[in-house]
């Protein structure tokens, strides 16, 4: 059962990113930033994107893959300031 924090104690708050990719990042939190076509993929490479997010304080906390096309979802989080 969930218990509220005791008086005087603070709770860490987080923000999250959902990243969808197949060879390149195609979507971040539902916003399209790349595309995968039959002949080419356009968008940031996954490792480049994750390295950049790591420099901004994000960390990977989950990964799921589905289908034969190589689609995956990565979940990242970082502490909220204040």
Protein backbone atom coordinates (compact mmCIF):
# COMPACT_ATOMS: atom_id res chain seq x y z
CA UNK A 1 0.00 0.00 0.00
CA UNK A 2 1.24 3.50 -0.85
CA UNK A 3 2.09 5.75 2.07
CA UNK A 4 2.40 9.52 1.77
CA UNK A 5 5.80 10.96 2.70
CA UNK A 6 6.18 11.93 6.31
CA UNK A 7 6.13 15.60 7.21
CA UNK A 8 9.42 17.30 6.48
CA UNK A 9 10.46 14.68 3.89
CA UNK A 10 10.59 15.48 0.22
CA UNK A 11 9.86 13.08 -2.62
CA UNK A 12 12.06 12.99 -5.71
CA UNK A 13 10.08 13.98 -8.80
CA UNK A 14 11.00 12.79 -12.29
CA UNK A 15 10.39 13.67 -15.91
CA UNK A 16 10.29 11.01 -18.63
CA UNK A 17 11.02 10.63 -22.34
CA UNK A 18 9.66 7.92 -24.61
CA UNK A 19 11.91 7.39 -27.64
CA UNK A 20 10.81 5.24 -30.60
CA UNK A 21 13.42 4.05 -33.07
CA UNK A 22 14.29 1.64 -35.88
CA UNK A 23 17.87 2.35 -37.02
CA UNK A 24 17.26 6.06 -36.33
CA UNK A 25 15.18 7.93 -33.74
CA UNK A 26 11.74 8.55 -35.24
CA UNK A 27 9.73 9.88 -32.30
CA UNK A 28 10.28 11.52 -28.90
CA UNK A 29 7.26 11.82 -26.59
CA UNK A 30 4.95 11.49 -29.60
CA UNK A 31 6.70 14.16 -31.68
CA UNK A 32 8.07 12.94 -35.03
CA UNK A 33 11.75 13.78 -35.52
CA UNK A 34 12.78 11.21 -38.15
CA UNK A 35 11.45 8.58 -40.53
CA UNK A 36 12.30 5.12 -41.80
CA UNK A 37 11.53 4.38 -45.45
CA UNK A 38 12.09 1.41 -47.71
CA UNK A 39 15.38 2.73 -49.08
CA UNK A 40 16.68 5.03 -46.38
CA UNK A 41 16.31 6.22 -42.81
CA UNK A 42 16.37 9.89 -41.85
CA UNK A 43 16.90 11.12 -38.29
CA UNK A 44 19.46 11.00 -35.48
CA UNK A 45 21.29 7.71 -34.91
CA UNK A 46 20.11 6.05 -31.71
CA UNK A 47 23.52 6.00 -30.03
CA UNK A 48 24.14 9.67 -30.86
CA UNK A 49 20.74 10.64 -29.49
CA UNK A 50 21.18 8.61 -26.28
CA UNK A 51 24.68 10.05 -25.73
CA UNK A 52 23.29 13.58 -26.09
CA UNK A 53 20.45 12.82 -23.67
CA UNK A 54 22.96 11.34 -21.20
CA UNK A 55 24.92 14.62 -21.31
CA UNK A 56 21.66 16.38 -20.38
CA UNK A 57 21.14 14.17 -17.32
CA UNK A 58 18.78 11.54 -18.79
CA UNK A 59 19.26 7.84 -18.05
CA UNK A 60 17.72 4.81 -19.73
CA UNK A 61 15.29 2.97 -17.45
CA UNK A 62 13.49 0.66 -19.89
CA UNK A 63 13.62 -0.90 -23.33
CA UNK A 64 11.05 -2.85 -25.36
CA UNK A 65 11.18 -4.21 -28.91
CA UNK A 66 8.34 -5.40 -31.10
CA UNK A 67 7.70 -6.81 -34.55
CA UNK A 68 10.09 -8.09 -37.17
CA UNK A 69 10.90 -4.61 -38.48
CA UNK A 70 13.27 -3.81 -35.60
CA UNK A 71 11.15 -1.15 -33.86
CA UNK A 72 12.04 -0.42 -30.25
CA UNK A 73 10.96 1.91 -27.46
CA UNK A 74 13.39 3.33 -24.89
CA UNK A 75 12.22 5.04 -21.71
CA UNK A 76 14.47 7.64 -20.08
CA UNK A 77 14.13 9.66 -16.89
CA UNK A 78 15.89 12.47 -15.07
CA UNK A 79 15.18 14.29 -11.82
CA UNK A 80 13.02 17.37 -11.97
CA UNK A 81 14.68 20.44 -10.49
CA UNK A 82 13.01 21.98 -7.51
